[in-house]
Amino acid sequence: MRKILNKHILIIGAFIVALAACKRDSDYMIVTPSPFISNLDLKKLYKGADVTLTKELTREAISVQGQVTSDHSGHNLPEGLLFIQNLRQVSSGIDSLRGIAINVGAAAANYVPGDSVQIKIEGGVLKRVNGILQITGVSASDIVKVKSGVKLFYTPVSAITLFAKPDNFEGCLVKINNCNFEPNIGVETLEGVKTLNEGSGDMQMHVNATANFKNELLPYSANVTGLLIPSSTGVPQVWPRIKADFEATSIVVDPSIPLGPHPAIITGYLADPTGTDANYEYIQFMATQDLDFRQKNFSVYTTNNAGASTPTGFPVAGWNTGDLRTYKLVITRGTVAKGKFFYVGGYKQISGVGSRDISQANWVVSKLYANVGGEDGIGTKTSNLLGNSGNPAGIAIFPFTNVELKSVPSDVIFYGGTGGSMFGSGVGYSICNNDFYNIKDGNTDQPFFRQGKNTAILVIPGVNAFSFLGGVYDAAAKKWITKRTHNSVAIGTTSPLTLIEERPVDDKLPMTKLIN
């Protein structure tokens, strides 16, 4: 009897627990699916074949909303396409920004950049036409303008970022800074498909024969704003919308003016960014005279002499030692005016992974050095372009590309410790006459770092700190009148600097100055 009673008690107890686990309908939050779908989610629906947009596919969404980025007044966009972009509602990250084209016919010209619109897309078809992903089957009556004058998002883009994730940028309003054009500068017009390079690789710009700015002359370099649109061959192209989207930035340099002894000087560097160093380190230079790197190519070398860097021993080939000891980059594109900064390095970000884009600065070389070796076979791919060990690391810039053992650089600096095999048996890293070094001590030659009195070295920069080099250079006298000093500041994602070209808000760190 006790066993039967216990069995019933267990059954009743289990029933009570089961009831307790159940929730009433009133215990759940009732939500209504959003009637809007983001471009990010919308574009995921396309998998290579036409897609009819139904509520079942879009999870009850029937419309898309966003800011208009197209401007048909310049007559340089595909007719009938209204381009909008938006951010995914659940994300504040810029990575969710996506653009899309909507085929609405002549009504596309009625909307201008900054208009905020809502567009009914239920029953429309998501498809590619001439390579362009777009929604067809939408009429002018399906569009409602909510407001105007909305601040537009511009996405900085480079060849490196574009070709890594082309779908992320398609249909977006992008900006390419300091891009260089070839070959017929100042003679050729903008009309047609032009190749441009912003320091990291080649891209294309498209200007139609119908564009009202097609007859503008092609400058050497420019900032280009426009919509990123695939061609019929799948190659992404930037389409400037109006004349103002194309801003010439190049200067004209007289090729007959000779280079001085220090046409470019080293003014700063980021040697240890946040997170990985791979592809995020960079160097800041200043021109002491107007420079056109197409006319006169330059080369930049870095040296890392950490204990694990090979080959070991003295650098018998100097700056050309290669492997993990030295790395070579060449500058063949871009212009820079006297007294202005220019940059060489990896990704165009201020302080490593996830930090702010600084592509608006004048980047003449942007190379993923952790993925590929140096120019002319000098240097294997490395995660440390700029060393930060206890041994000396260095930077040199030469006003030519054919560098030999005793070639004199335009400028050179070293930082780090006192170890390492740097000079011996007539070999080493060549230096120049600057504020730190001298190729002669009286009548005695001392062309290498660590030879004779050439022992000056800057301190190792801190983690996530940009190294500002102070000092004053007299461009007329072609010499340093105030020696450079090392000053550093942390420049993370919340940096007070709008650009590393500008002083921080406390104005305490001296930057290199050019006079005369």
Protein backbone atom coordinates (compact mmCIF):
# COMPACT_ATOMS: atom_id res chain seq x y z
CA MET A 1 0.00 0.00 0.00
CA ARG A 2 2.86 2.38 0.90
CA LYS A 3 4.52 1.64 -2.50
CA ILE A 4 1.28 2.44 -4.35
CA LEU A 5 0.84 5.67 -2.36
CA ASN A 6 4.42 6.74 -3.01
CA LYS A 7 3.95 6.02 -6.70
CA HIS A 8 0.85 8.26 -6.87
CA ILE A 9 2.62 10.99 -4.93
CA LEU A 10 5.46 10.94 -7.49
CA ILE A 11 3.02 11.09 -10.39
CA ILE A 12 1.09 13.99 -8.82
CA GLY A 13 4.38 15.81 -8.05
CA ALA A 14 5.61 15.39 -11.62
CA PHE A 15 2.27 16.72 -12.91
CA ILE A 16 2.52 19.80 -10.68
CA VAL A 17 6.10 20.46 -11.88
CA ALA A 18 4.98 20.13 -15.49
CA LEU A 19 2.17 22.61 -14.91
CA ALA A 20 4.57 25.00 -13.22
CA ALA A 21 6.89 24.80 -16.23
CA CYS A 22 4.10 25.82 -18.57
CA LYS A 23 3.56 29.54 -19.25
CA ARG A 24 0.33 31.21 -20.05
CA ASP A 25 0.03 33.16 -23.27
CA SER A 26 0.04 36.32 -21.15
CA ASP A 27 3.50 35.41 -19.83
CA TYR A 28 5.07 36.00 -23.28
CA MET A 29 5.92 39.38 -24.80
CA ILE A 30 3.86 39.88 -27.92
CA VAL A 31 5.90 41.55 -30.67
CA THR A 32 5.08 42.63 -34.20
CA PRO A 33 7.66 41.92 -36.93
CA SER A 34 9.16 45.07 -38.41
CA PRO A 35 7.68 46.06 -41.76
CA PHE A 36 11.18 47.14 -42.83
CA ILE A 37 14.14 45.01 -43.87
CA SER A 38 17.73 46.25 -43.87
CA ASN A 39 19.87 46.17 -47.01
CA LEU A 40 22.25 43.86 -45.16
CA ASP A 41 19.54 41.21 -44.74
CA LEU A 42 17.93 41.94 -48.08
CA LYS A 43 21.15 41.30 -50.03
CA LYS A 44 21.64 37.96 -48.24
CA LEU A 45 18.52 36.69 -50.03
CA TYR A 46 20.24 36.87 -53.40
CA LYS A 47 22.22 33.72 -54.17
CA GLY A 48 22.83 34.09 -57.88
CA ALA A 49 19.25 33.73 -59.18
CA ASP A 50 16.27 36.11 -59.32
CA VAL A 51 14.34 36.33 -56.05
CA THR A 52 10.71 37.40 -55.75
CA LEU A 53 10.34 39.28 -52.48
CA THR A 54 7.54 37.80 -50.38
CA LYS A 55 6.66 38.18 -46.70
CA GLU A 56 7.72 34.60 -46.13
CA LEU A 57 11.24 35.40 -47.36
CA THR A 58 11.54 38.78 -45.68
CA ARG A 59 9.99 37.71 -42.35
CA GLU A 60 6.91 39.90 -42.83
CA ALA A 61 8.87 42.95 -44.01
CA ILE A 62 7.27 44.69 -46.97
CA SER A 63 9.43 47.82 -47.27
CA VAL A 64 12.98 49.15 -47.16
CA GLN A 65 13.98 52.56 -45.86
CA GLY A 66 17.19 54.52 -46.07
CA GLN A 67 19.02 57.61 -47.23
CA VAL A 68 19.17 58.41 -50.93
CA THR A 69 22.73 58.55 -52.28
CA SER A 70 22.09 58.84 -56.03
CA ASP A 71 22.12 62.19 -57.84
CA HIS A 72 21.03 62.07 -61.46
CA SER A 73 21.63 65.78 -62.12
CA GLY A 74 25.18 65.01 -63.29
CA HIS A 75 23.90 62.44 -65.81
CA ASN A 76 26.53 59.89 -64.78
CA LEU A 77 24.46 57.14 -63.19
CA PRO A 78 22.55 54.22 -64.70
CA GLU A 79 19.17 55.65 -65.69
CA GLY A 80 16.16 54.67 -63.63
CA LEU A 81 18.12 53.46 -60.60
CA LEU A 82 17.48 54.99 -57.19
CA PHE A 83 20.33 54.13 -54.79
CA ILE A 84 19.73 54.06 -51.06
CA GLN A 85 21.84 52.89 -48.13
CA ASN A 86 21.03 52.03 -44.53
CA LEU A 87 22.39 50.53 -41.35
CA ARG A 88 20.96 47.39 -39.84
CA GLN A 89 18.58 48.51 -37.09
CA VAL A 90 20.03 46.19 -34.44
CA SER A 91 23.59 47.26 -35.08
CA SER A 92 25.37 50.57 -34.63
CA GLY A 93 28.49 49.27 -36.33
CA ILE A 94 29.50 50.76 -39.67
CA ASP A 95 30.03 47.19 -40.91
CA SER A 96 26.26 46.88 -41.32
CA LEU A 97 26.09 49.79 -43.76
CA ARG A 98 24.94 48.52 -47.15
CA GLY A 99 23.62 50.07 -50.33
CA ILE A 100 21.22 48.83 -52.97
CA ALA A 101 19.71 50.01 -56.25
CA ILE A 102 15.98 50.14 -56.85
CA ASN A 103 14.70 50.39 -60.41
CA VAL A 104 11.89 52.96 -60.36
CA GLY A 105 12.32 54.45 -63.84
CA ALA A 106 12.23 58.19 -64.42
CA ALA A 107 11.15 58.81 -60.80
CA ALA A 108 14.73 58.08 -59.65
CA ALA A 109 15.71 61.59 -60.76
CA ASN A 110 13.15 63.14 -58.37
CA TYR A 111 15.22 62.28 -55.31
CA VAL A 112 18.53 63.76 -54.21
CA PRO A 113 21.26 62.80 -51.71
CA GLY A 114 20.08 63.30 -48.15
CA ASP A 115 16.45 62.43 -48.81
CA SER A 116 15.12 59.79 -46.42
CA VAL A 117 12.68 57.45 -48.14
CA GLN A 118 10.52 54.42 -47.49
CA ILE A 119 9.94 52.11 -50.43
CA LYS A 120 7.45 49.26 -50.68
CA ILE A 121 9.27 46.26 -52.19
CA GLU A 122 6.78 43.43 -51.60
CA GLY A 123 6.31 41.58 -54.86
CA GLY A 124 9.44 43.11 -56.37
CA VAL A 125 12.23 41.01 -57.82
CA LEU A 126 15.82 41.09 -56.54
CA LYS A 127 18.09 40.44 -59.52
CA ARG A 128 21.26 41.45 -61.32
CA VAL A 129 20.93 43.53 -64.46
CA ASN A 130 24.15 44.39 -66.31
CA GLY A 131 26.02 43.28 -63.22
CA ILE A 132 24.13 45.59 -60.84
CA LEU A 133 22.13 44.05 -57.98
CA GLN A 134 18.76 45.83 -57.91
CA ILE A 135 15.10 45.50 -57.05
CA THR A 136 12.78 45.65 -60.05
CA GLY A 137 9.00 45.82 -60.21
CA VAL A 138 8.77 48.93 -58.01
CA SER A 139 6.78 52.00 -59.13
CA ALA A 140 6.99 55.67 -58.24
CA SER A 141 3.83 55.34 -56.12
CA ASP A 142 5.66 52.87 -53.85
CA ILE A 143 8.07 55.61 -52.66
CA VAL A 144 7.40 57.92 -49.71
CA LYS A 145 9.85 60.70 -48.85
CA VAL A 146 10.02 61.04 -45.07
CA LYS A 147 12.47 63.94 -44.80
CA SER A 148 15.34 65.69 -46.57
CA GLY A 149 18.75 67.00 -45.54
CA VAL A 150 19.79 63.79 -43.77
CA LYS A 151 23.55 63.64 -43.13
CA LEU A 152 25.09 61.11 -45.49
CA PHE A 153 27.44 58.31 -44.60
CA TYR A 154 30.59 58.14 -46.72
CA THR A 155 32.59 54.91 -46.63
CA PRO A 156 36.36 55.31 -47.19
CA VAL A 157 37.55 52.60 -49.54
CA SER A 158 40.89 51.36 -50.84
CA ALA A 159 41.83 48.59 -53.25
CA ILE A 160 42.82 46.40 -50.28
CA THR A 161 39.46 46.70 -48.55
CA LEU A 162 37.39 46.72 -51.73
CA PHE A 163 38.70 43.50 -53.22
CA ALA A 164 38.66 41.74 -49.85
CA LYS A 165 34.88 42.26 -49.50
CA PRO A 166 33.42 43.76 -52.69
CA ASP A 167 29.80 42.88 -51.79
CA ASN A 168 30.04 45.04 -48.66
CA PHE A 169 30.60 48.19 -50.74
CA GLU A 170 28.36 47.58 -53.75
CA GLY A 171 25.76 50.32 -54.02
CA CYS A 172 27.32 52.37 -51.20
CA LEU A 173 28.46 55.97 -51.33
CA VAL A 174 32.24 55.71 -51.10
CA LYS A 175 35.22 58.04 -51.08
CA ILE A 176 38.68 57.28 -52.44
CA ASN A 177 41.33 59.67 -51.17
CA ASN A 178 44.48 60.75 -52.98
CA CYS A 179 44.03 58.42 -55.92
CA ASN A 180 46.47 58.71 -58.80
CA PHE A 181 45.67 58.37 -62.49
CA GLU A 182 47.69 57.18 -65.47
CA PRO A 183 48.82 57.72 -68.11
CA ASN A 184 47.90 60.91 -70.03
CA ILE A 185 47.71 63.37 -67.18
CA GLY A 186 46.50 66.87 -68.11
CA VAL A 187 45.62 65.82 -71.68
CA GLU A 188 43.01 63.10 -71.28
CA THR A 189 39.45 63.92 -70.16
CA LEU A 190 37.46 62.19 -67.45
CA GLU A 191 35.17 60.40 -69.89
CA GLY A 192 35.44 56.63 -70.00
CA VAL A 193 36.77 54.00 -67.62
CA LYS A 194 39.96 55.20 -65.91
CA THR A 195 42.38 53.24 -63.79
CA LEU A 196 43.29 54.83 -60.46
CA ASN A 197 45.56 53.82 -57.61
CA GLU A 198 45.34 55.15 -54.03
CA GLY A 199 48.55 53.53 -52.82
CA SER A 200 47.35 49.97 -52.27
CA GLY A 201 46.29 48.81 -55.72
CA ASP A 202 44.37 49.57 -58.91
CA MET A 203 40.67 50.40 -59.09
CA GLN A 204 38.43 51.87 -61.78
CA MET A 205 36.39 55.06 -62.22
CA HIS A 206 33.47 55.26 -64.66
CA VAL A 207 32.32 58.48 -66.37
CA ASN A 208 29.59 58.16 -69.00
CA ALA A 209 29.52 59.95 -72.34
CA THR A 210 26.32 61.61 -71.03
CA ALA A 211 28.00 63.10 -67.92
CA ASN A 212 27.96 66.90 -67.86
CA PHE A 213 31.52 66.92 -66.46
CA LYS A 214 33.00 64.42 -68.92
CA ASN A 215 35.24 67.03 -70.60
CA GLU A 216 37.11 67.97 -67.42
CA LEU A 217 40.81 67.18 -67.78
CA LEU A 218 42.17 64.22 -65.87
CA PRO A 219 44.54 65.45 -63.14
CA TYR A 220 47.40 63.45 -61.70
CA SER A 221 45.60 62.81 -58.40
CA ALA A 222 42.19 63.48 -56.89
CA ASN A 223 39.73 62.64 -54.16
CA VAL A 224 36.82 60.80 -55.77
CA THR A 225 33.39 60.40 -54.20
CA GLY A 226 30.75 58.28 -55.86
CA LEU A 227 28.66 55.15 -55.93
CA LEU A 228 30.39 51.77 -56.05
CA ILE A 229 28.76 49.93 -58.94
CA PRO A 230 29.85 46.65 -60.54
CA SER A 231 30.47 46.64 -64.28
CA SER A 232 28.92 44.07 -66.60
CA THR A 233 32.14 42.09 -66.19
CA GLY A 234 31.83 42.15 -62.39
CA VAL A 235 34.70 44.62 -61.82
CA PRO A 236 33.63 47.20 -59.20
CA GLN A 237 33.84 50.81 -60.34
CA VAL A 238 33.32 54.13 -58.61
CA TRP A 239 30.87 56.40 -60.45
CA PRO A 240 31.15 60.09 -59.45
CA ARG A 241 27.67 61.54 -59.51
CA ILE A 242 28.37 65.22 -60.16
CA LYS A 243 31.36 67.43 -60.93
CA ALA A 244 31.87 68.22 -57.23
CA ASP A 245 32.46 64.51 -56.55
CA PHE A 246 35.80 64.83 -58.34
CA GLU A 247 38.28 67.01 -56.45
CA ALA A 248 41.76 67.41 -57.96
CA THR A 249 44.50 67.25 -55.31
CA SER A 250 47.73 67.04 -57.29
CA ILE A 251 50.31 69.76 -57.54
CA VAL A 252 52.45 70.58 -60.56
CA VAL A 253 56.15 70.01 -59.88
CA ASP A 254 58.83 71.40 -62.17
CA PRO A 255 60.95 68.35 -63.07
CA SER A 256 63.99 70.51 -63.75
CA ILE A 257 64.30 71.52 -60.07
CA PRO A 258 66.92 69.25 -58.50
CA LEU A 259 66.34 67.40 -55.27
CA GLY A 260 68.12 68.77 -52.23
CA PRO A 261 70.07 66.57 -49.80
CA HIS A 262 66.97 65.99 -47.67
CA PRO A 263 63.90 66.24 -49.92
CA ALA A 264 61.91 64.13 -47.45
CA ILE A 265 62.38 63.76 -43.69
CA ILE A 266 61.02 61.34 -41.09
CA THR A 267 58.58 62.98 -38.70
CA GLY A 268 56.83 60.10 -36.92
CA TYR A 269 55.83 56.45 -36.88
CA LEU A 270 53.53 53.90 -35.25
CA ALA A 271 55.63 50.85 -34.33
CA ASP A 272 53.37 49.02 -31.88
CA PRO A 273 49.64 49.49 -32.64
CA THR A 274 46.72 48.06 -30.69
CA GLY A 275 46.40 44.30 -31.16
CA THR A 276 48.41 42.78 -33.98
CA ASP A 277 51.22 44.77 -35.58
CA ALA A 278 50.73 42.94 -38.88
CA ASN A 279 49.73 45.40 -41.62
CA TYR A 280 48.87 48.23 -39.20
CA GLU A 281 52.25 49.94 -38.72
CA TYR A 282 53.07 53.08 -40.69
CA ILE A 283 55.56 55.93 -41.07
CA GLN A 284 54.94 59.66 -41.41
CA PHE A 285 57.24 61.77 -43.62
CA MET A 286 57.37 65.45 -44.55
CA ALA A 287 58.42 66.91 -47.90
CA THR A 288 60.96 69.74 -47.68
CA GLN A 289 60.27 70.66 -51.31
CA ASP A 290 57.49 69.94 -53.80
CA LEU A 291 57.71 66.28 -54.85
CA ASP A 292 56.20 64.27 -57.70
CA PHE A 293 57.04 60.60 -57.12
CA ARG A 294 56.10 59.72 -60.68
CA GLN A 295 58.94 61.92 -61.93
CA LYS A 296 61.41 60.84 -59.26
CA ASN A 297 60.84 57.52 -57.51
CA PHE A 298 61.79 57.12 -53.86
CA SER A 299 62.38 54.04 -51.72
CA VAL A 300 61.73 53.41 -48.04
CA TYR A 301 63.56 50.79 -45.99
CA THR A 302 62.94 49.52 -42.49
CA THR A 303 65.23 47.33 -40.43
CA ASN A 304 64.33 44.99 -37.60
CA ASN A 305 67.32 43.57 -35.72
CA ALA A 306 65.52 41.49 -33.10
CA GLY A 307 67.39 38.39 -31.97
CA ALA A 308 65.16 36.13 -34.06
CA SER A 309 65.58 38.20 -37.23
CA THR A 310 67.52 36.45 -39.98
CA PRO A 311 70.09 36.51 -41.44
CA THR A 312 72.10 36.86 -38.25
CA GLY A 313 75.42 38.67 -37.96
CA PHE A 314 76.38 41.99 -39.52
CA PRO A 315 74.17 43.30 -42.37
CA VAL A 316 76.62 42.60 -45.16
CA ALA A 317 74.33 44.08 -47.82
CA GLY A 318 73.33 47.03 -45.66
CA TRP A 319 69.75 48.14 -46.23
CA ASN A 320 69.46 45.42 -48.90
CA THR A 321 70.19 42.59 -46.43
CA GLY A 322 66.58 41.44 -46.70
CA ASP A 323 64.86 38.41 -45.17
CA LEU A 324 63.64 39.49 -41.70
CA ARG A 325 66.36 42.13 -41.25
CA THR A 326 65.27 44.72 -43.82
CA TYR A 327 62.17 45.41 -45.91
CA LYS A 328 61.95 47.65 -49.00
CA LEU A 329 59.03 49.70 -50.32
CA VAL A 330 59.08 51.97 -53.36
CA ILE A 331 57.15 55.21 -53.98
CA THR A 332 56.23 55.67 -57.62
CA ARG A 333 52.93 57.56 -57.39
CA GLY A 334 51.57 60.68 -55.76
CA THR A 335 52.55 64.28 -55.19
CA VAL A 336 53.20 66.18 -51.99
CA ALA A 337 53.69 69.89 -51.46
CA LYS A 338 56.55 71.39 -49.50
CA GLY A 339 55.89 71.22 -45.76
CA LYS A 340 53.12 68.61 -46.07
CA PHE A 341 53.02 65.08 -44.65
CA PHE A 342 52.80 61.80 -46.52
CA TYR A 343 52.50 58.21 -45.32
CA VAL A 344 53.86 54.74 -46.01
CA GLY A 345 52.59 51.58 -44.30
CA GLY A 346 49.81 49.01 -44.16
CA TYR A 347 46.10 49.59 -43.60
CA LYS A 348 45.12 53.25 -43.38
CA GLN A 349 43.98 53.13 -39.76
CA ILE A 350 45.19 55.30 -36.92
CA SER A 351 46.04 52.68 -34.32
CA GLY A 352 45.45 49.07 -35.31
CA VAL A 353 42.47 46.75 -35.62
CA GLY A 354 39.12 48.49 -35.25
CA SER A 355 40.59 52.00 -34.98
CA ARG A 356 39.60 55.02 -37.02
CA ASP A 357 40.20 55.26 -40.75
CA ILE A 358 42.74 57.94 -41.73
CA SER A 359 42.75 57.43 -45.49
CA GLN A 360 42.15 61.15 -45.96
CA ALA A 361 45.85 61.63 -45.23
CA ASN A 362 48.27 61.46 -48.17
CA TRP A 363 49.15 57.75 -48.39
CA VAL A 364 51.67 57.15 -51.17
CA VAL A 365 52.16 53.47 -50.31
CA SER A 366 49.70 51.15 -48.57
CA LYS A 367 51.04 47.61 -48.63
CA LEU A 368 50.11 44.49 -46.66
CA TYR A 369 53.67 43.68 -45.64
CA ALA A 370 52.56 40.74 -43.49
CA ASN A 371 51.15 39.07 -46.61
CA VAL A 372 53.79 39.84 -49.24
CA GLY A 373 57.53 40.42 -49.42
CA GLY A 374 59.32 43.68 -50.07
CA GLU A 375 60.11 45.24 -53.42
CA ASP A 376 62.95 43.84 -55.53
CA GLY A 377 62.98 40.74 -53.35
CA ILE A 378 64.31 42.66 -50.35
CA GLY A 379 62.49 41.45 -47.25
CA THR A 380 60.21 38.51 -46.63
CA LYS A 381 56.68 39.04 -45.40
CA THR A 382 56.76 40.11 -41.77
CA SER A 383 54.38 40.94 -38.93
CA ASN A 384 56.83 43.60 -37.72
CA LEU A 385 57.72 46.14 -40.37
CA LEU A 386 58.84 48.38 -37.51
CA GLY A 387 60.65 46.48 -34.78
CA ASN A 388 59.92 47.03 -31.10
CA SER A 389 62.41 44.69 -29.43
CA GLY A 390 65.40 45.68 -27.30
CA ASN A 391 67.70 45.80 -30.35
CA PRO A 392 67.88 48.77 -32.72
CA ALA A 393 65.25 49.23 -35.41
CA GLY A 394 65.52 51.82 -38.13
CA ILE A 395 63.86 53.73 -40.97
CA ALA A 396 65.52 55.23 -44.03
CA ILE A 397 64.14 57.03 -47.07
CA PHE A 398 66.16 57.36 -50.28
CA PRO A 399 65.40 59.75 -53.19
CA PHE A 400 65.99 56.91 -55.65
CA THR A 401 65.33 53.17 -55.86
CA ASN A 402 68.71 51.72 -56.84
CA VAL A 403 70.19 51.61 -53.35
CA GLU A 404 73.71 50.26 -52.76
CA LEU A 405 75.75 49.56 -49.62
CA LYS A 406 76.99 53.14 -49.13
CA SER A 407 74.11 55.00 -50.77
CA VAL A 408 73.24 58.13 -48.79
CA PRO A 409 69.58 58.36 -47.72
CA SER A 410 67.49 61.51 -47.65
CA ASP A 411 66.90 60.83 -43.95
CA VAL A 412 67.42 58.03 -41.43
CA ILE A 413 66.64 57.37 -37.78
CA PHE A 414 67.15 54.48 -35.37
CA TYR A 415 65.35 53.65 -32.14
CA GLY A 416 65.51 50.84 -29.59
CA GLY A 417 68.35 49.38 -27.50
CA THR A 418 72.08 48.96 -27.72
CA GLY A 419 72.34 45.30 -28.76
CA GLY A 420 72.37 43.64 -32.16
CA SER A 421 75.00 43.20 -34.87
CA MET A 422 74.80 46.56 -36.59
CA PHE A 423 78.25 47.46 -37.96
CA GLY A 424 81.45 45.62 -38.66
CA SER A 425 84.07 44.79 -41.29
CA GLY A 426 83.09 47.71 -43.51
CA VAL A 427 79.41 46.84 -43.68
CA GLY A 428 76.35 48.23 -41.98
CA TYR A 429 73.34 50.52 -42.43
CA SER A 430 74.28 53.69 -44.33
CA ILE A 431 73.37 57.03 -42.79
CA CYS A 432 73.26 60.66 -43.92
CA ASN A 433 74.18 64.01 -42.43
CA ASN A 434 71.22 64.99 -40.29
CA ASP A 435 70.54 65.98 -36.68
CA PHE A 436 71.70 62.58 -35.38
CA TYR A 437 74.46 61.36 -37.70
CA ASN A 438 77.39 62.51 -39.81
CA ILE A 439 79.11 60.58 -42.56
CA LYS A 440 82.45 62.10 -41.55
CA ASP A 441 84.19 62.76 -38.26
CA GLY A 442 86.70 65.37 -39.31
CA ASN A 443 88.55 63.70 -42.17
CA THR A 444 87.54 60.21 -41.09
CA ASP A 445 84.77 58.42 -42.99
CA GLN A 446 81.99 56.91 -40.91
CA PRO A 447 79.19 56.09 -43.38
CA PHE A 448 77.34 53.58 -41.19
CA PHE A 449 75.19 53.57 -38.08
CA ARG A 450 77.22 52.64 -34.99
CA GLN A 451 80.46 53.53 -36.80
CA GLY A 452 82.53 56.17 -35.06
CA LYS A 453 80.31 58.73 -33.37
CA ASN A 454 77.12 57.62 -35.15
CA THR A 455 75.60 56.03 -32.06
CA ALA A 456 72.52 58.20 -31.45
CA ILE A 457 69.34 56.21 -30.93
CA LEU A 458 65.78 57.10 -29.93
CA VAL A 459 63.86 55.31 -27.19
CA ILE A 460 61.58 52.34 -27.88
CA PRO A 461 58.05 53.65 -28.47
CA GLY A 462 55.31 52.53 -26.10
CA VAL A 463 52.45 50.21 -26.97
CA ASN A 464 49.66 51.94 -28.92
CA ALA A 465 51.67 55.17 -29.00
CA PHE A 466 52.43 57.25 -32.06
CA SER A 467 56.00 58.56 -32.04
CA PHE A 468 56.07 62.26 -32.84
CA LEU A 469 59.52 63.54 -33.75
CA GLY A 470 60.03 67.20 -32.94
CA GLY A 471 62.77 69.44 -34.28
CA VAL A 472 62.99 72.27 -36.80
CA TYR A 473 64.29 71.86 -40.35
CA ASP A 474 65.44 74.89 -42.36
CA ALA A 475 64.44 74.21 -45.97
CA ALA A 476 66.48 77.11 -47.35
CA ALA A 477 69.67 76.18 -45.50
CA LYS A 478 68.87 72.47 -46.02
CA LYS A 479 69.78 71.51 -42.48
CA TRP A 480 68.34 70.84 -39.05
CA ILE A 481 68.52 73.83 -36.74
CA THR A 482 66.78 72.18 -33.81
CA LYS A 483 67.39 68.49 -33.12
CA ARG A 484 64.47 66.08 -33.19
CA THR A 485 63.24 64.58 -29.94
CA HIS A 486 60.98 61.59 -29.40
CA ASN A 487 57.51 62.34 -28.05
CA SER A 488 54.71 59.81 -27.94
CA VAL A 489 50.99 59.75 -27.26
CA ALA A 490 48.49 56.90 -27.03
CA ILE A 491 46.08 57.16 -29.93
CA GLY A 492 43.47 54.44 -29.50
CA THR A 493 39.96 54.46 -30.87
CA THR A 494 39.04 57.28 -28.47
CA SER A 495 42.03 59.37 -29.54
CA PRO A 496 41.81 63.16 -29.07
CA LEU A 497 43.57 63.49 -32.43
CA THR A 498 41.45 64.09 -35.49
CA LEU A 499 44.52 63.14 -37.48
CA ILE A 500 48.04 62.24 -36.48
CA GLU A 501 49.01 65.30 -38.51
CA GLU A 502 47.44 67.51 -35.87
CA ARG A 503 48.47 68.25 -32.32
CA PRO A 504 46.48 66.58 -29.55
CA VAL A 505 44.07 68.78 -27.65
CA ASP A 506 46.52 69.39 -24.79
CA ASP A 507 49.00 70.81 -27.37
CA LYS A 508 51.97 69.50 -25.37
CA LEU A 509 53.71 67.36 -27.98
CA PRO A 510 56.05 69.20 -30.36
CA MET A 511 55.84 68.16 -33.99
CA THR A 512 58.45 68.61 -36.67
CA LYS A 513 58.42 72.15 -38.10
CA LEU A 514 59.65 73.33 -41.46
CA ILE A 515 60.84 76.91 -41.92
CA ASN A 516 61.74 78.90 -45.05
